[in-house]
Amino acid sequence: MSIGRDIMTDNLRISAIIITYKRADELAGALENIFAQELMPDEIIIIDNDPEGSGKAVIPAGNDRVKYICSGENLGPAAGRNLAAEHAYGDILLLS
């Protein structure tokens, strides 16, 4: 059995959305898990609700799949996901 996109999803783009607040260590682990997947999302959007942007330190340099957005305030999970959805180009949004 082949793992990968099938005929139903070949043309669909997938955006993974991660909301974080002062959890750089957990963000690093989440990104490791995403990068270890055989089927990667087309983009990974990280909304950092920490006004100081603590999550930026764990974002891998040179990976154009990752969009890092510091909200500048703690929006909470729902508003953070809405912000990410505004920036996503995926047809399918995976929310964490």
Foldseek 3Di string as FASTA:
>chain_A
DDDDDDPVPPPFAEEEEAEEEPCLVVVLVVVVVQVPDPYHGQAYEYEYQHLVPPNVVNDDPPDPRYHYHYPNHRPDQPVSVVVVVVVDPGPHYHYD
